[in-house]
C-alpha atoms as a PDB file:
ATOM      1  CA  UNK A   1       5.659  27.016  14.130  1.00  0.00           C
ATOM      2  CA  UNK A   2       4.171  25.931  10.889  1.00  0.00           C
ATOM      3  CA  UNK A   3       5.386  25.633   7.038  1.00  0.00           C
ATOM      4  CA  UNK A   4       9.244  26.861   7.513  1.00  0.00           C
ATOM      5  CA  UNK A   5      11.271  26.109   4.537  1.00  0.00           C
ATOM      6  CA  UNK A   6      15.185  26.258   4.883  1.00  0.00           C
ATOM      7  CA  UNK A   7      17.251  26.611   1.711  1.00  0.00           C
ATOM      8  CA  UNK A   8      21.359  26.238   2.169  1.00  0.00           C
ATOM      9  CA  UNK A   9      22.482  29.352  -0.207  1.00  0.00           C
ATOM     10  CA  UNK A  10      26.378  28.226  -0.128  1.00  0.00           C
ATOM     11  CA  UNK A  11      27.896  25.667   2.157  1.00  0.00           C
ATOM     12  CA  UNK A  12      30.476  28.246   3.182  1.00  0.00           C
ATOM     13  CA  UNK A  13      27.761  30.776   4.482  1.00  0.00           C
ATOM     14  CA  UNK A  14      24.701  30.446   6.865  1.00  0.00           C
ATOM     15  CA  UNK A  15      21.310  29.005   5.857  1.00  0.00           C
ATOM     16  CA  UNK A  16      18.661  31.632   4.089  1.00  0.00           C
ATOM     17  CA  UNK A  17      15.319  31.527   5.474  1.00  0.00           C
ATOM     18  CA  UNK A  18      12.575  31.461   2.582  1.00  0.00           C
ATOM     19  CA  UNK A  19       9.494  31.014   4.613  1.00  0.00           C
ATOM     20  CA  UNK A  20       8.117  31.260   8.187  1.00  0.00           C
ATOM     21  CA  UNK A  21       4.707  31.215   9.843  1.00  0.00           C
ATOM     22  CA  UNK A  22       3.884  31.294  13.633  1.00  0.00           C
ATOM     23  CA  UNK A  23       0.363  31.407  14.808  1.00  0.00           C
ATOM     24  CA  UNK A  24      -1.687  32.246  17.940  1.00  0.00           C
ATOM     25  CA  UNK A  25      -4.145  29.268  18.502  1.00  0.00           C
ATOM     26  CA  UNK A  26      -7.326  30.885  16.889  1.00  0.00           C
ATOM     27  CA  UNK A  27      -4.824  31.213  13.735  1.00  0.00           C
ATOM     28  CA  UNK A  28      -3.997  34.665  13.391  1.00  0.00           C
ATOM     29  CA  UNK A  29      -0.166  35.347  12.438  1.00  0.00           C
ATOM     30  CA  UNK A  30       2.325  36.814  14.166  1.00  0.00           C
ATOM     31  CA  UNK A  31       5.715  37.862  12.928  1.00  0.00           C
ATOM     32  CA  UNK A  32       8.910  39.844  14.273  1.00  0.00           C
ATOM     33  CA  UNK A  33      10.945  37.038  14.990  1.00  0.00           C
ATOM     34  CA  UNK A  34      13.256  36.863  11.793  1.00  0.00           C
ATOM     35  CA  UNK A  35      13.990  39.665   9.220  1.00  0.00           C
ATOM     36  CA  UNK A  36      15.954  37.825   6.638  1.00  0.00           C
ATOM     37  CA  UNK A  37      13.248  35.879   5.231  1.00  0.00           C
ATOM     38  CA  UNK A  38      13.675  35.833   1.482  1.00  0.00           C
ATOM     39  CA  UNK A  39      10.840  33.561  -0.032  1.00  0.00           C
ATOM     40  CA  UNK A  40       7.969  34.146  -2.127  1.00  0.00           C
ATOM     41  CA  UNK A  41       4.255  34.560  -0.616  1.00  0.00           C
ATOM     42  CA  UNK A  42       2.915  31.304   0.188  1.00  0.00           C
ATOM     43  CA  UNK A  43      -0.855  31.421   0.361  1.00  0.00           C
ATOM     44  CA  UNK A  44      -1.481  28.026   2.180  1.00  0.00           C
ATOM     45  CA  UNK A  45      -1.015  28.542   5.978  1.00  0.00           C
ATOM     46  CA  UNK A  46      -3.029  27.572   9.084  1.00  0.00           C
ATOM     47  CA  UNK A  47      -4.186  24.266   9.129  1.00  0.00           C
ATOM     48  CA  UNK A  48      -3.201  24.257   5.178  1.00  0.00           C
ATOM     49  CA  UNK A  49      -5.750  26.177   4.078  1.00  0.00           C
ATOM     50  CA  UNK A  50      -5.737  29.019   1.516  1.00  0.00           C
ATOM     51  CA  UNK A  51      -5.478  32.726   2.854  1.00  0.00           C
ATOM     52  CA  UNK A  52      -8.019  35.066   0.919  1.00  0.00           C
ATOM     53  CA  UNK A  53      -6.229  38.396   1.001  1.00  0.00           C
ATOM     54  CA  UNK A  54      -7.775  39.924  -2.757  1.00  0.00           C
ATOM     55  CA  UNK A  55      -9.718  42.458  -0.603  1.00  0.00           C
ATOM     56  CA  UNK A  56      -7.559  42.938   2.603  1.00  0.00           C
ATOM     57  CA  UNK A  57     -10.041  41.045   4.666  1.00  0.00           C
ATOM     58  CA  UNK A  58      -7.591  38.538   6.127  1.00  0.00           C
ATOM     59  CA  UNK A  59      -9.926  35.510   5.898  1.00  0.00           C
ATOM     60  CA  UNK A  60      -9.028  31.738   5.381  1.00  0.00           C
ATOM     61  CA  UNK A  61     -10.881  29.575   3.007  1.00  0.00           C
ATOM     62  CA  UNK A  62     -11.637  26.294   5.272  1.00  0.00           C
ATOM     63  CA  UNK A  63     -13.655  24.063   2.565  1.00  0.00           C
ATOM     64  CA  UNK A  64     -17.309  24.915   3.795  1.00  0.00           C
ATOM     65  CA  UNK A  65     -16.934  28.532   5.204  1.00  0.00           C
ATOM     66  CA  UNK A  66     -14.645  31.484   5.575  1.00  0.00           C
ATOM     67  CA  UNK A  67     -12.879  32.048   8.639  1.00  0.00           C
ATOM     68  CA  UNK A  68     -11.378  35.334  10.437  1.00  0.00           C
ATOM     69  CA  UNK A  69      -8.312  34.200  12.539  1.00  0.00           C
ATOM     70  CA  UNK A  70      -8.433  37.682  14.034  1.00  0.00           C
ATOM     71  CA  UNK A  71     -12.074  37.432  15.507  1.00  0.00           C
ATOM     72  CA  UNK A  72     -11.904  33.479  15.842  1.00  0.00           C
ATOM     73  CA  UNK A  73     -15.109  33.340  14.107  1.00  0.00           C
ATOM     74  CA  UNK A  74     -16.667  32.175  11.022  1.00  0.00           C
ATOM     75  CA  UNK A  75     -18.025  34.603   8.517  1.00  0.00           C
ATOM     76  CA  UNK A  76     -20.896  32.066   7.450  1.00  0.00           C
ATOM     77  CA  UNK A  77     -23.550  30.156   9.117  1.00  0.00           C
ATOM     78  CA  UNK A  78     -22.702  26.659  10.055  1.00  0.00           C
ATOM     79  CA  UNK A  79     -24.301  24.457   7.422  1.00  0.00           C
ATOM     80  CA  UNK A  80     -24.965  22.146   9.931  1.00  0.00           C
ATOM     81  CA  UNK A  81     -26.123  24.681  13.006  1.00  0.00           C
ATOM     82  CA  UNK A  82     -29.263  22.715  13.646  1.00  0.00           C
ATOM     83  CA  UNK A  83     -26.896  19.707  14.845  1.00  0.00           C
ATOM     84  CA  UNK A  84     -25.341  22.017  17.523  1.00  0.00           C
ATOM     85  CA  UNK A  85     -28.064  24.318  18.846  1.00  0.00           C
ATOM     86  CA  UNK A  86     -26.207  24.874  21.812  1.00  0.00           C
ATOM     87  CA  UNK A  87     -23.585  26.567  20.175  1.00  0.00           C
ATOM     88  CA  UNK A  88     -23.191  29.787  18.339  1.00  0.00           C
ATOM     89  CA  UNK A  89     -23.125  28.831  14.363  1.00  0.00           C
ATOM     90  CA  UNK A  90     -20.202  31.254  14.208  1.00  0.00           C
ATOM     91  CA  UNK A  91     -17.879  29.730  16.807  1.00  0.00           C
ATOM     92  CA  UNK A  92     -14.731  28.085  15.766  1.00  0.00           C
ATOM     93  CA  UNK A  93     -13.607  25.124  17.435  1.00  0.00           C
ATOM     94  CA  UNK A  94     -16.231  25.729  20.429  1.00  0.00           C
ATOM     95  CA  UNK A  95     -14.018  28.224  21.444  1.00  0.00           C
ATOM     96  CA  UNK A  96     -11.156  26.101  22.656  1.00  0.00           C
ATOM     97  CA  UNK A  97      -8.880  25.756  19.895  1.00  0.00           C
ATOM     98  CA  UNK A  98      -6.602  23.704  22.166  1.00  0.00           C
ATOM     99  CA  UNK A  99      -8.505  20.929  22.283  1.00  0.00           C
ATOM    100  CA  UNK A 100     -10.390  21.011  19.444  1.00  0.00           C
ATOM    101  CA  UNK A 101      -9.745  21.517  15.649  1.00  0.00           C
ATOM    102  CA  UNK A 102     -12.273  22.204  12.838  1.00  0.00           C
ATOM    103  CA  UNK A 103     -10.748  21.079   9.801  1.00  0.00           C
ATOM    104  CA  UNK A 104     -13.520  21.775   7.174  1.00  0.00           C
ATOM    105  CA  UNK A 105     -16.039  24.109   8.845  1.00  0.00           C
ATOM    106  CA  UNK A 106     -18.857  21.590   9.284  1.00  0.00           C
ATOM    107  CA  UNK A 107     -19.768  19.549  12.261  1.00  0.00           C
ATOM    108  CA  UNK A 108     -17.491  18.048  14.787  1.00  0.00           C
ATOM    109  CA  UNK A 109     -16.603  14.463  14.964  1.00  0.00           C
ATOM    110  CA  UNK A 110     -16.960  11.494  17.218  1.00  0.00           C
ATOM    111  CA  UNK A 111     -13.554  10.125  17.927  1.00  0.00           C
ATOM    112  CA  UNK A 112     -12.834   6.695  16.447  1.00  0.00           C
ATOM    113  CA  UNK A 113     -11.054   5.105  18.890  1.00  0.00           C
ATOM    114  CA  UNK A 114     -10.232   1.992  16.480  1.00  0.00           C
ATOM    115  CA  UNK A 115     -12.013  -0.932  18.404  1.00  0.00           C
ATOM    116  CA  UNK A 116     -15.375  -0.382  17.497  1.00  0.00           C
ATOM    117  CA  UNK A 117     -16.546   2.623  20.034  1.00  0.00           C
ATOM    118  CA  UNK A 118     -16.569   6.348  19.610  1.00  0.00           C
ATOM    119  CA  UNK A 119     -15.918   9.110  21.832  1.00  0.00           C
ATOM    120  CA  UNK A 120     -18.159  12.238  21.789  1.00  0.00           C
ATOM    121  CA  UNK A 121     -16.913  15.453  20.937  1.00  0.00           C
ATOM    122  CA  UNK A 122     -19.161  18.926  22.233  1.00  0.00           C
ATOM    123  CA  UNK A 123     -22.177  19.116  19.606  1.00  0.00           C
ATOM    124  CA  UNK A 124     -22.344  15.148  18.733  1.00  0.00           C
ATOM    125  CA  UNK A 125     -25.542  13.466  18.274  1.00  0.00           C
ATOM    126  CA  UNK A 126     -26.933  10.054  16.961  1.00  0.00           C
ATOM    127  CA  UNK A 127     -26.884  12.371  13.631  1.00  0.00           C
ATOM    128  CA  UNK A 128     -23.045  12.844  13.282  1.00  0.00           C
ATOM    129  CA  UNK A 129     -22.555   9.057  15.076  1.00  0.00           C
ATOM    130  CA  UNK A 130     -24.299   7.996  11.863  1.00  0.00           C
ATOM    131  CA  UNK A 131     -22.401   9.662   9.595  1.00  0.00           C
ATOM    132  CA  UNK A 132     -18.709   8.962  11.635  1.00  0.00           C
ATOM    133  CA  UNK A 133     -19.358   5.468  12.013  1.00  0.00           C
ATOM    134  CA  UNK A 134     -20.693   4.690   8.689  1.00  0.00           C
ATOM    135  CA  UNK A 135     -24.169   3.318   9.956  1.00  0.00           C
ATOM    136  CA  UNK A 136     -27.834   4.447   9.569  1.00  0.00           C
ATOM    137  CA  UNK A 137     -29.495   7.266  11.599  1.00  0.00           C
ATOM    138  CA  UNK A 138     -31.838   4.897  12.885  1.00  0.00           C
ATOM    139  CA  UNK A 139     -29.160   2.166  13.905  1.00  0.00           C
ATOM    140  CA  UNK A 140     -27.384   5.161  15.575  1.00  0.00           C
ATOM    141  CA  UNK A 141     -30.482   5.928  17.625  1.00  0.00           C
ATOM    142  CA  UNK A 142     -30.736   2.505  18.697  1.00  0.00           C
ATOM    143  CA  UNK A 143     -27.355   2.269  19.841  1.00  0.00           C
ATOM    144  CA  UNK A 144     -27.414   5.240  21.861  1.00  0.00           C
ATOM    145  CA  UNK A 145     -30.797   4.537  23.362  1.00  0.00           C
ATOM    146  CA  UNK A 146     -29.086   1.523  24.542  1.00  0.00           C
ATOM    147  CA  UNK A 147     -25.834   3.239  25.864  1.00  0.00           C
ATOM    148  CA  UNK A 148     -26.211   4.058  29.770  1.00  0.00           C
ATOM    149  CA  UNK A 149     -26.089   7.923  30.601  1.00  0.00           C
ATOM    150  CA  UNK A 150     -26.551   8.619  34.188  1.00  0.00           C
ATOM    151  CA  UNK A 151     -26.522  12.447  33.652  1.00  0.00           C
ATOM    152  CA  UNK A 152     -29.258  12.306  31.594  1.00  0.00           C
ATOM    153  CA  UNK A 153     -33.030  12.203  32.817  1.00  0.00           C
ATOM    154  CA  UNK A 154     -33.460   9.482  30.354  1.00  0.00           C
ATOM    155  CA  UNK A 155     -30.997   7.418  31.871  1.00  0.00           C
ATOM    156  CA  UNK A 156     -29.498   7.097  28.308  1.00  0.00           C
ATOM    157  CA  UNK A 157     -28.218   8.462  25.460  1.00  0.00           C
ATOM    158  CA  UNK A 158     -31.361   8.254  23.668  1.00  0.00           C
ATOM    159  CA  UNK A 159     -32.822  11.302  21.263  1.00  0.00           C
ATOM    160  CA  UNK A 160     -35.379  13.740  22.667  1.00  0.00           C
ATOM    161  CA  UNK A 161     -37.239  16.643  21.231  1.00  0.00           C
ATOM    162  CA  UNK A 162     -36.142  20.020  23.062  1.00  0.00           C
ATOM    163  CA  UNK A 163     -39.010  21.628  24.332  1.00  0.00           C
ATOM    164  CA  UNK A 164     -37.697  25.116  24.091  1.00  0.00           C
ATOM    165  CA  UNK A 165     -36.931  25.030  20.130  1.00  0.00           C
ATOM    166  CA  UNK A 166     -38.755  21.793  19.130  1.00  0.00           C
ATOM    167  CA  UNK A 167     -35.571  20.148  18.027  1.00  0.00           C
ATOM    168  CA  UNK A 168     -34.822  16.328  18.241  1.00  0.00           C
ATOM    169  CA  UNK A 169     -31.315  16.276  20.222  1.00  0.00           C
ATOM    170  CA  UNK A 170     -29.326  13.279  21.685  1.00  0.00           C
ATOM    171  CA  UNK A 171     -28.624  12.973  25.394  1.00  0.00           C
ATOM    172  CA  UNK A 172     -24.889  12.892  24.815  1.00  0.00           C
ATOM    173  CA  UNK A 173     -22.316  14.878  26.576  1.00  0.00           C
ATOM    174  CA  UNK A 174     -18.285  15.393  25.455  1.00  0.00           C
ATOM    175  CA  UNK A 175     -16.427  12.654  26.316  1.00  0.00           C
ATOM    176  CA  UNK A 176     -19.353   9.844  26.261  1.00  0.00           C
ATOM    177  CA  UNK A 177     -18.322   6.961  24.846  1.00  0.00           C
ATOM    178  CA  UNK A 178     -20.739   4.476  22.407  1.00  0.00           C
ATOM    179  CA  UNK A 179     -20.199   1.083  21.335  1.00  0.00           C
ATOM    180  CA  UNK A 180     -21.034  -0.079  17.535  1.00  0.00           C
ATOM    181  CA  UNK A 181     -21.548  -3.887  18.371  1.00  0.00           C
ATOM    182  CA  UNK A 182     -20.751  -5.023  14.639  1.00  0.00           C
ATOM    183  CA  UNK A 183     -17.738  -3.072  14.696  1.00  0.00           C
ATOM    184  CA  UNK A 184     -16.860  -4.206  18.135  1.00  0.00           C
ATOM    185  CA  UNK A 185     -17.400  -7.835  17.004  1.00  0.00           C
ATOM    186  CA  UNK A 186     -15.307  -7.230  13.729  1.00  0.00           C
ATOM    187  CA  UNK A 187     -12.515  -5.664  15.869  1.00  0.00           C
ATOM    188  CA  UNK A 188     -12.464  -8.574  18.636  1.00  0.00           C
ATOM    189  CA  UNK A 189     -12.393 -10.968  15.921  1.00  0.00           C
ATOM    190  CA  UNK A 190      -9.615  -9.405  13.980  1.00  0.00           C
ATOM    191  CA  UNK A 191      -7.564  -8.626  17.442  1.00  0.00           C
ATOM    192  CA  UNK A 192      -7.857 -12.603  18.043  1.00  0.00           C
ATOM    193  CA  UNK A 193      -6.809 -13.382  14.712  1.00  0.00           C
ATOM    194  CA  UNK A 194      -3.482 -11.422  15.027  1.00  0.00           C
ATOM    195  CA  UNK A 195      -2.793 -12.637  18.595  1.00  0.00           C
ATOM    196  CA  UNK A 196      -2.974 -16.288  17.110  1.00  0.00           C
ATOM    197  CA  UNK A 197      -0.813 -15.447  14.362  1.00  0.00           C
ATOM    198  CA  UNK A 198       1.807 -14.059  16.368  1.00  0.00           C
ATOM    199  CA  UNK A 199       1.863 -16.903  18.611  1.00  0.00           C
ATOM    200  CA  UNK A 200       2.274 -19.050  15.599  1.00  0.00           C
ATOM    201  CA  UNK A 201       4.698 -16.698  14.097  1.00  0.00           C
ATOM    202  CA  UNK A 202       6.877 -17.075  17.531  1.00  0.00           C
ATOM    203  CA  UNK A 203       6.474 -20.872  17.180  1.00  0.00           C
ATOM    204  CA  UNK A 204       7.661 -21.099  13.595  1.00  0.00           C
ATOM    205  CA  UNK A 205      10.784 -18.707  14.646  1.00  0.00           C
ATOM    206  CA  UNK A 206      11.539 -21.215  17.189  1.00  0.00           C
ATOM    207  CA  UNK A 207      10.982 -24.195  15.009  1.00  0.00           C
ATOM    208  CA  UNK A 208      13.305 -22.422  12.472  1.00  0.00           C
ATOM    209  CA  UNK A 209      16.079 -22.036  15.022  1.00  0.00           C
ATOM    210  CA  UNK A 210      15.880 -25.589  15.843  1.00  0.00           C
ATOM    211  CA  UNK A 211      16.311 -26.578  12.173  1.00  0.00           C
ATOM    212  CA  UNK A 212      19.021 -24.317  11.529  1.00  0.00           C
ATOM    213  CA  UNK A 213      20.769 -25.975  14.621  1.00  0.00           C
ATOM    214  CA  UNK A 214      19.908 -29.634  13.086  1.00  0.00           C
ATOM    215  CA  UNK A 215      21.200 -28.237   9.694  1.00  0.00           C
ATOM    216  CA  UNK A 216      24.747 -27.329  11.122  1.00  0.00           C
ATOM    217  CA  UNK A 217      25.012 -30.545  13.241  1.00  0.00           C
ATOM    218  CA  UNK A 218      24.199 -32.583   9.810  1.00  0.00           C
ATOM    219  CA  UNK A 219      26.759 -30.552   7.865  1.00  0.00           C
ATOM    220  CA  UNK A 220      29.420 -31.212  10.600  1.00  0.00           C
ATOM    221  CA  UNK A 221      28.463 -35.175  10.413  1.00  0.00           C
ATOM    222  CA  UNK A 222      28.776 -35.209   7.135  1.00  0.00           C
ATOM    223  CA  UNK A 223      31.868 -33.079   7.182  1.00  0.00           C
ATOM    224  CA  UNK A 224      33.519 -35.743   9.507  1.00  0.00           C
ATOM    225  CA  UNK A 225      32.581 -38.546   7.339  1.00  0.00           C
ATOM    226  CA  UNK A 226      34.289 -36.971   4.378  1.00  0.00           C
ATOM    227  CA  UNK A 227      37.411 -36.384   6.379  1.00  0.00           C
ATOM    228  CA  UNK A 228      37.492 -40.334   7.508  1.00  0.00           C
ATOM    229  CA  UNK A 229      37.022 -41.224   4.033  1.00  0.00           C
ATOM    230  CA  UNK A 230      39.677 -38.978   3.033  1.00  0.00           C
ATOM    231  CA  UNK A 231      42.058 -40.262   5.478  1.00  0.00           C
ATOM    232  CA  UNK A 232      41.864 -43.639   4.208  1.00  0.00           C
ATOM    233  CA  UNK A 233      42.061 -42.448   0.680  1.00  0.00           C
ATOM    234  CA  UNK A 234      45.236 -40.602   1.426  1.00  0.00           C
ATOM    235  CA  UNK A 235      46.628 -44.006   3.048  1.00  0.00           C
ATOM    236  CA  UNK A 236      45.761 -46.027   0.174  1.00  0.00           C
ATOM    237  CA  UNK A 237      47.768 -43.761  -1.863  1.00  0.00           C
ATOM    238  CA  UNK A 238      51.179 -43.630   0.306  1.00  0.00           C
ATOM    239  CA  UNK A 239      52.768 -47.042   0.025  1.00  0.00           C
ATOM    240  CA  UNK A 240      55.520 -45.742   2.436  1.00  0.00           C
ATOM    241  CA  UNK A 241      53.119 -44.820   5.212  1.00  0.00           C
ATOM    242  CA  UNK A 242      51.415 -48.095   4.702  1.00  0.00           C
ATOM    243  CA  UNK A 243      54.986 -50.168   5.320  1.00  0.00           C
ATOM    244  CA  UNK A 244      55.912 -47.782   8.058  1.00  0.00           C
ATOM    245  CA  UNK A 245      52.605 -47.972   9.840  1.00  0.00           C
ATOM    246  CA  UNK A 246      51.650 -51.895   9.475  1.00  0.00           C
ATOM    247  CA  UNK A 247      54.746 -53.516   7.228  1.00  0.00           C
ATOM    248  CA  UNK A 248      52.347 -53.878   4.341  1.00  0.00           C
ATOM    249  CA  UNK A 249      54.449 -54.337   1.007  1.00  0.00           C
ATOM    250  CA  UNK A 250      53.201 -52.510  -1.687  1.00  0.00           C
ATOM    251  CA  UNK A 251      50.138 -54.120  -3.447  1.00  0.00           C
ATOM    252  CA  UNK A 252      49.104 -55.563  -0.290  1.00  0.00           C
ATOM    253  CA  UNK A 253      45.486 -56.006  -0.542  1.00  0.00           C
ATOM    254  CA  UNK A 254      44.446 -58.298   2.413  1.00  0.00           C
ATOM    255  CA  UNK A 255      46.778 -56.270   4.625  1.00  0.00           C
ATOM    256  CA  UNK A 256      44.848 -52.874   3.361  1.00  0.00           C
ATOM    257  CA  UNK A 257      42.060 -54.384   4.118  1.00  0.00           C
ATOM    258  CA  UNK A 258      42.937 -55.376   7.831  1.00  0.00           C
ATOM    259  CA  UNK A 259      44.409 -52.125   8.454  1.00  0.00           C
ATOM    260  CA  UNK A 260      40.946 -50.553   7.285  1.00  0.00           C
ATOM    261  CA  UNK A 261      39.178 -52.808   9.993  1.00  0.00           C
ATOM    262  CA  UNK A 262      41.577 -52.703  12.579  1.00  0.00           C
ATOM    263  CA  UNK A 263      41.634 -48.819  12.820  1.00  0.00           C
ATOM    264  CA  UNK A 264      38.016 -48.796  12.677  1.00  0.00           C
ATOM    265  CA  UNK A 265      37.937 -46.381   9.946  1.00  0.00           C
ATOM    266  CA  UNK A 266      35.019 -47.936   8.454  1.00  0.00           C
ATOM    267  CA  UNK A 267      32.867 -48.147  11.583  1.00  0.00           C
ATOM    268  CA  UNK A 268      33.616 -44.370  12.433  1.00  0.00           C
ATOM    269  CA  UNK A 269      32.743 -43.499   8.936  1.00  0.00           C
ATOM    270  CA  UNK A 270      29.516 -45.283   8.900  1.00  0.00           C
ATOM    271  CA  UNK A 271      28.729 -43.756  12.662  1.00  0.00           C
ATOM    272  CA  UNK A 272      29.029 -40.418  11.235  1.00  0.00           C
ATOM    273  CA  UNK A 273      26.963 -41.056   8.126  1.00  0.00           C
ATOM    274  CA  UNK A 274      24.412 -42.495  10.431  1.00  0.00           C
ATOM    275  CA  UNK A 275      24.235 -39.532  12.771  1.00  0.00           C
ATOM    276  CA  UNK A 276      23.756 -37.330   9.667  1.00  0.00           C
ATOM    277  CA  UNK A 277      20.816 -39.560   8.278  1.00  0.00           C
ATOM    278  CA  UNK A 278      19.005 -39.268  11.804  1.00  0.00           C
ATOM    279  CA  UNK A 279      19.628 -35.811  12.095  1.00  0.00           C
ATOM    280  CA  UNK A 280      18.261 -35.492   8.603  1.00  0.00           C
ATOM    281  CA  UNK A 281      15.002 -37.201   9.681  1.00  0.00           C
ATOM    282  CA  UNK A 282      14.861 -34.552  12.610  1.00  0.00           C
ATOM    283  CA  UNK A 283      15.070 -31.820   9.975  1.00  0.00           C
ATOM    284  CA  UNK A 284      12.210 -33.379   8.050  1.00  0.00           C
ATOM    285  CA  UNK A 285      10.231 -33.416  10.802  1.00  0.00           C
ATOM    286  CA  UNK A 286      10.881 -29.600  12.068  1.00  0.00           C
ATOM    287  CA  UNK A 287      10.063 -28.708   8.278  1.00  0.00           C
ATOM    288  CA  UNK A 288       6.640 -30.509   8.331  1.00  0.00           C
ATOM    289  CA  UNK A 289       5.793 -28.785  11.694  1.00  0.00           C
ATOM    290  CA  UNK A 290       6.710 -25.431  10.097  1.00  0.00           C
ATOM    291  CA  UNK A 291       4.202 -25.995   7.154  1.00  0.00           C
ATOM    292  CA  UNK A 292       1.765 -27.233   9.325  1.00  0.00           C
ATOM    293  CA  UNK A 293       2.165 -23.959  11.447  1.00  0.00           C
ATOM    294  CA  UNK A 294       1.759 -21.952   8.199  1.00  0.00           C
ATOM    295  CA  UNK A 295      -1.728 -23.277   7.169  1.00  0.00           C
ATOM    296  CA  UNK A 296      -2.790 -22.607  10.902  1.00  0.00           C
ATOM    297  CA  UNK A 297      -2.221 -18.872  10.364  1.00  0.00           C
ATOM    298  CA  UNK A 298      -5.453 -17.175   9.893  1.00  0.00           C
ATOM    299  CA  UNK A 299      -6.099 -14.377   6.951  1.00  0.00           C
END
């Protein structure tokens, strides 16, 4: 199925089909599945290309050539026919539309594997490699001459002149893989960079988690120190409690000081403050480590 549009006419009723197009592998449309199609004629169909029906021919305008899906053949000579002399210049997708597509009516493409290597499709050569890999024709010939091919009498994918038609061809078969050295190197460099950065990112996340725990611990120590301080403040402002707990008469400064020392309030408060300061130093070290890791990331 291709190019199906559904429009809701009324929420309380069924949906209305405004367009439906179904195709055989070579692009011929077949119909008869839904009779309630009420949309306008849409001239862009198979492969997203424009259907030419002015003369009732049923052709499709596929960029470089006109195509007849009823025959599975191009109606114009392949503009790059000299690169694929083993195939008819009118064939579509090497007569195998299940495995291949021809989006513009030109030559087949080397499949870019994304790692600096390219896989050949039927009809590919040094010329198409040069185009698809963005390198010079001479560089493509050099690469293919240095790529082994046991099925070739040359022992490699190098170019040769066909004795029957005098055309220069490449000893490359469908599925053969060639590597463009500079692109492979660039891919490996980028891959290593990505792996390094991923490792650094994981370490940054780990240190960040540790720093969060440290901040939580510091916050708890500060909170406890404040609670101890509040405990003493409340005691200082409660003469009744002072008298009942320590027998201190109102205004008994020295007695309050002894109570303060005797209950260890000062010691407990300073301990919590010291713990908070100690954790703060750890947090600063963790932040420095994160900043250092970020500088190590490759861009």
